[in-house]
C-alpha atoms as a PDB file:
ATOM      1  CA  MET A   1      26.001 -12.935  12.045  1.00  0.00           C
ATOM      2  CA  ASN A   2      24.524 -10.506   9.532  1.00  0.00           C
ATOM      3  CA  GLU A   3      24.889  -6.758   9.046  1.00  0.00           C
ATOM      4  CA  PHE A   4      22.053  -6.135  11.502  1.00  0.00           C
ATOM      5  CA  ASP A   5      23.809  -7.886  14.412  1.00  0.00           C
ATOM      6  CA  GLU A   6      26.977  -5.910  15.069  1.00  0.00           C
ATOM      7  CA  GLY A   7      26.632  -2.435  16.566  1.00  0.00           C
ATOM      8  CA  ASN A   8      23.074  -1.943  15.364  1.00  0.00           C
ATOM      9  CA  PRO A   9      19.718  -1.813  17.125  1.00  0.00           C
ATOM     10  CA  SER A  10      18.037  -5.120  17.827  1.00  0.00           C
ATOM     11  CA  GLY A  11      15.460  -6.620  15.533  1.00  0.00           C
ATOM     12  CA  ASP A  12      15.237  -7.479  11.890  1.00  0.00           C
ATOM     13  CA  PRO A  13      14.835  -5.221   8.841  1.00  0.00           C
ATOM     14  CA  TYR A  14      11.045  -5.209   9.243  1.00  0.00           C
ATOM     15  CA  ASP A  15      11.392  -3.983  12.847  1.00  0.00           C
ATOM     16  CA  TRP A  16      13.757  -1.277  11.639  1.00  0.00           C
ATOM     17  CA  TYR A  17      11.320  -0.296   8.904  1.00  0.00           C
ATOM     18  CA  GLN A  18       8.507   0.057  11.445  1.00  0.00           C
ATOM     19  CA  ARG A  19      10.738   2.157  13.716  1.00  0.00           C
ATOM     20  CA  GLY A  20      11.736   4.291  10.724  1.00  0.00           C
ATOM     21  CA  LEU A  21       8.074   4.932   9.910  1.00  0.00           C
ATOM     22  CA  ALA A  22       7.396   5.857  13.541  1.00  0.00           C
ATOM     23  CA  LEU A  23      10.333   8.278  13.564  1.00  0.00           C
ATOM     24  CA  LEU A  24       9.093   9.802  10.322  1.00  0.00           C
ATOM     25  CA  ALA A  25       5.591  10.230  11.762  1.00  0.00           C
ATOM     26  CA  GLU A  26       7.089  11.907  14.844  1.00  0.00           C
ATOM     27  CA  GLY A  27       9.029  14.368  12.676  1.00  0.00           C
ATOM     28  CA  ASN A  28      12.448  12.856  13.387  1.00  0.00           C
ATOM     29  CA  THR A  29      13.266  12.787   9.705  1.00  0.00           C
ATOM     30  CA  ASP A  30      17.077  12.557   9.905  1.00  0.00           C
ATOM     31  CA  ALA A  31      16.889   9.634  12.350  1.00  0.00           C
ATOM     32  CA  ALA A  32      14.276   7.968  10.149  1.00  0.00           C
ATOM     33  CA  ALA A  33      16.485   8.418   7.086  1.00  0.00           C
ATOM     34  CA  THR A  34      19.489   6.900   8.858  1.00  0.00           C
ATOM     35  CA  LEU A  35      17.519   3.865   9.940  1.00  0.00           C
ATOM     36  CA  LEU A  36      15.753   3.433   6.608  1.00  0.00           C
ATOM     37  CA  GLN A  37      19.051   3.654   4.709  1.00  0.00           C
ATOM     38  CA  ARG A  38      20.221   0.606   6.657  1.00  0.00           C
ATOM     39  CA  VAL A  39      17.011  -1.218   5.854  1.00  0.00           C
ATOM     40  CA  ARG A  40      17.425  -0.354   2.174  1.00  0.00           C
ATOM     41  CA  ARG A  41      20.754  -2.183   2.041  1.00  0.00           C
ATOM     42  CA  SER A  42      19.010  -5.389   3.089  1.00  0.00           C
ATOM     43  CA  GLU A  43      15.443  -4.914   1.823  1.00  0.00           C
ATOM     44  CA  PRO A  44      15.254  -2.389  -1.054  1.00  0.00           C
ATOM     45  CA  SER A  45      11.510  -2.856  -1.485  1.00  0.00           C
ATOM     46  CA  PRO A  46       9.308  -0.110  -2.943  1.00  0.00           C
ATOM     47  CA  ALA A  47       7.813   0.520   0.514  1.00  0.00           C
ATOM     48  CA  VAL A  48      11.271   1.091   1.989  1.00  0.00           C
ATOM     49  CA  LEU A  49      12.291   3.334  -0.929  1.00  0.00           C
ATOM     50  CA  GLU A  50       9.131   5.409  -0.523  1.00  0.00           C
ATOM     51  CA  ALA A  51       9.632   5.863   3.216  1.00  0.00           C
ATOM     52  CA  LEU A  52      13.326   6.672   2.763  1.00  0.00           C
ATOM     53  CA  GLY A  53      12.549   9.131  -0.029  1.00  0.00           C
ATOM     54  CA  ARG A  54      10.003  10.887   2.192  1.00  0.00           C
ATOM     55  CA  ALA A  55      12.452  11.042   5.109  1.00  0.00           C
ATOM     56  CA  LEU A  56      15.207  12.478   2.915  1.00  0.00           C
ATOM     57  CA  PHE A  57      12.840  14.995   1.310  1.00  0.00           C
ATOM     58  CA  GLU A  58      11.504  16.145   4.659  1.00  0.00           C
ATOM     59  CA  SER A  59      15.112  16.454   5.895  1.00  0.00           C
ATOM     60  CA  ARG A  60      15.766  18.761   2.913  1.00  0.00           C
ATOM     61  CA  ARG A  61      18.331  16.311   1.541  1.00  0.00           C
ATOM     62  CA  TYR A  62      16.962  16.754  -1.947  1.00  0.00           C
ATOM     63  CA  ASP A  63      19.816  15.245  -3.965  1.00  0.00           C
ATOM     64  CA  GLU A  64      19.612  12.025  -1.956  1.00  0.00           C
ATOM     65  CA  ALA A  65      15.817  12.077  -2.140  1.00  0.00           C
ATOM     66  CA  ILE A  66      15.977  12.419  -5.941  1.00  0.00           C
ATOM     67  CA  GLU A  67      18.283   9.388  -6.158  1.00  0.00           C
ATOM     68  CA  VAL A  68      15.990   7.210  -4.027  1.00  0.00           C
ATOM     69  CA  LEU A  69      12.754   8.459  -5.584  1.00  0.00           C
ATOM     70  CA  SER A  70      14.170   8.004  -9.098  1.00  0.00           C
ATOM     71  CA  GLU A  71      14.876   4.373  -8.237  1.00  0.00           C
ATOM     72  CA  LEU A  72      11.346   4.048  -6.862  1.00  0.00           C
ATOM     73  CA  ALA A  73       9.775   5.577  -9.997  1.00  0.00           C
ATOM     74  CA  GLU A  74      11.900   3.354 -12.225  1.00  0.00           C
ATOM     75  CA  ARG A  75      10.968   0.202 -10.312  1.00  0.00           C
ATOM     76  CA  THR A  76       7.275   1.124  -9.999  1.00  0.00           C
ATOM     77  CA  PRO A  77       6.464   3.301 -13.031  1.00  0.00           C
ATOM     78  CA  ASP A  78       2.731   2.871 -12.470  1.00  0.00           C
ATOM     79  CA  GLU A  79       2.883   4.228  -8.892  1.00  0.00           C
ATOM     80  CA  ASP A  80       1.531   7.779  -8.877  1.00  0.00           C
ATOM     81  CA  TYR A  81       3.086   8.741  -5.536  1.00  0.00           C
ATOM     82  CA  ALA A  82       6.571   7.825  -6.790  1.00  0.00           C
ATOM     83  CA  HIS A  83       6.223  10.360  -9.612  1.00  0.00           C
ATOM     84  CA  TYR A  84       4.620  12.967  -7.371  1.00  0.00           C
ATOM     85  CA  ALA A  85       7.331  12.739  -4.702  1.00  0.00           C
ATOM     86  CA  LEU A  86      10.091  12.761  -7.317  1.00  0.00           C
ATOM     87  CA  GLY A  87       8.472  15.776  -8.976  1.00  0.00           C
ATOM     88  CA  LEU A  88       8.438  17.647  -5.676  1.00  0.00           C
ATOM     89  CA  ALA A  89      12.100  16.878  -5.000  1.00  0.00           C
ATOM     90  CA  LEU A  90      13.085  17.972  -8.507  1.00  0.00           C
ATOM     91  CA  TRP A  91      11.041  21.150  -8.026  1.00  0.00           C
ATOM     92  CA  ARG A  92      13.005  21.964  -4.854  1.00  0.00           C
ATOM     93  CA  LYS A  93      16.238  21.552  -6.832  1.00  0.00           C
ATOM     94  CA  GLN A  94      14.819  23.897  -9.489  1.00  0.00           C
ATOM     95  CA  ALA A  95      14.835  21.194 -12.158  1.00  0.00           C
ATOM     96  CA  PHE A  96      11.503  22.501 -13.399  1.00  0.00           C
ATOM     97  CA  PRO A  97      11.113  20.631 -16.730  1.00  0.00           C
ATOM     98  CA  ALA A  98      11.802  17.241 -15.116  1.00  0.00           C
ATOM     99  CA  ALA A  99       9.580  18.160 -12.157  1.00  0.00           C
ATOM    100  CA  ARG A 100       6.771  19.062 -14.568  1.00  0.00           C
ATOM    101  CA  ASP A 101       7.084  15.738 -16.355  1.00  0.00           C
ATOM    102  CA  HIS A 102       6.859  13.651 -13.174  1.00  0.00           C
ATOM    103  CA  LEU A 103       4.076  15.756 -11.686  1.00  0.00           C
ATOM    104  CA  ALA A 104       2.139  15.480 -14.956  1.00  0.00           C
ATOM    105  CA  MET A 105       2.554  11.706 -14.874  1.00  0.00           C
ATOM    106  CA  ALA A 106       1.238  11.571 -11.304  1.00  0.00           C
ATOM    107  CA  PHE A 107      -1.683  13.839 -12.180  1.00  0.00           C
ATOM    108  CA  VAL A 108      -2.637  11.776 -15.233  1.00  0.00           C
ATOM    109  CA  MET A 109      -2.648   8.648 -13.073  1.00  0.00           C
ATOM    110  CA  ARG A 110      -4.679  10.207 -10.256  1.00  0.00           C
ATOM    111  CA  PRO A 111      -6.460  13.384 -11.458  1.00  0.00           C
ATOM    112  CA  ASN A 112      -8.612  13.376  -8.323  1.00  0.00           C
ATOM    113  CA  ARG A 113      -5.595  14.192  -6.123  1.00  0.00           C
ATOM    114  CA  SER A 114      -5.808  17.972  -5.798  1.00  0.00           C
ATOM    115  CA  GLU A 115      -2.257  18.312  -4.467  1.00  0.00           C
ATOM    116  CA  TYR A 116      -0.959  16.724  -7.674  1.00  0.00           C
ATOM    117  CA  GLY A 117      -2.797  19.256  -9.809  1.00  0.00           C
ATOM    118  CA  GLN A 118      -1.754  22.188  -7.620  1.00  0.00           C
ATOM    119  CA  ALA A 119       1.932  21.244  -7.731  1.00  0.00           C
ATOM    120  CA  LEU A 120       1.785  20.726 -11.488  1.00  0.00           C
ATOM    121  CA  SER A 121       0.084  24.097 -12.003  1.00  0.00           C
ATOM    122  CA  GLN A 122       2.722  25.883  -9.938  1.00  0.00           C
ATOM    123  CA  VAL A 123       5.631  24.297 -11.789  1.00  0.00           C
ATOM    124  CA  LYS A 124       4.007  25.064 -15.148  1.00  0.00           C
ATOM    125  CA  ALA A 125       3.476  28.683 -14.059  1.00  0.00           C
ATOM    126  CA  THR A 126       7.138  28.944 -13.090  1.00  0.00           C
ATOM    127  CA  LEU A 127       8.218  27.553 -16.445  1.00  0.00           C
ATOM    128  CA  ARG A 128       5.877  29.910 -18.304  1.00  0.00           C
ATOM    129  CA  ALA A 129       7.112  32.949 -16.350  1.00  0.00           C
ATOM    130  CA  ARG A 130      10.751  32.042 -16.880  1.00  0.00           C
ATOM    131  CA  SER A 131      10.193  31.424 -20.574  1.00  0.00           C
ATOM    132  CA  GLU A 132       8.356  34.731 -21.071  1.00  0.00           C
ATOM    133  CA  ALA A 133      11.125  36.583 -19.227  1.00  0.00           C
ATOM    134  CA  GLY A 134      13.861  34.874 -21.253  1.00  0.00           C
ATOM    135  CA  LEU A 135      15.273  33.237 -18.143  1.00  0.00           C
ATOM    136  CA  PRO A 136      16.785  29.758 -17.890  1.00  0.00           C
ATOM    137  CA  LEU A 137      14.182  27.060 -17.314  1.00  0.00           C
ATOM    138  CA  GLU A 138      16.323  25.362 -14.665  1.00  0.00           C
ATOM    139  CA  GLY A 139      18.424  26.411 -11.735  1.00  0.00           C
ATOM    140  CA  PRO A 140      18.631  29.591  -9.739  1.00  0.00           C
ATOM    141  CA  ILE A 141      18.287  32.984 -11.350  1.00  0.00           C
ATOM    142  CA  GLU A 142      21.342  35.137 -10.953  1.00  0.00           C
ATOM    143  CA  ALA A 143      20.349  38.567  -9.732  1.00  0.00           C
ATOM    144  CA  GLU A 144      22.009  41.491 -11.437  1.00  0.00           C
ATOM    145  CA  PHE A 145      22.856  44.270  -9.034  1.00  0.00           C
ATOM    146  CA  GLU A 146      24.214  47.594 -10.150  1.00  0.00           C
END
């Protein structure tokens, strides 16, 4: 008996992966993430990490997405989508310099992907605006109310 037998849906990790992708496509991102996390324990392939990272990102679980997507980018440094997805997650956490670096890497690898260039331009504009205003380059900006 393996970890997929007791109290879990039927099938093997590949079946679970396919169901996770279907849930993700249907917009059931939390359910997809739960299923894909189980698959990851048995089959931590780049395809599983990418799908799990997407599910976590789309569920707005950015810290978890950053962990998974960082592993993906480390394991597949030549995969443009890994850097793009990680850059987006870092952007959402307002880690702008790191987001810029990963988005730039993705854009250099695939300059024909307009969404890569658009995301990179927006992060660079945010960094430029914060720098010119003397604001921190990372994290939220504390509003000063009188």
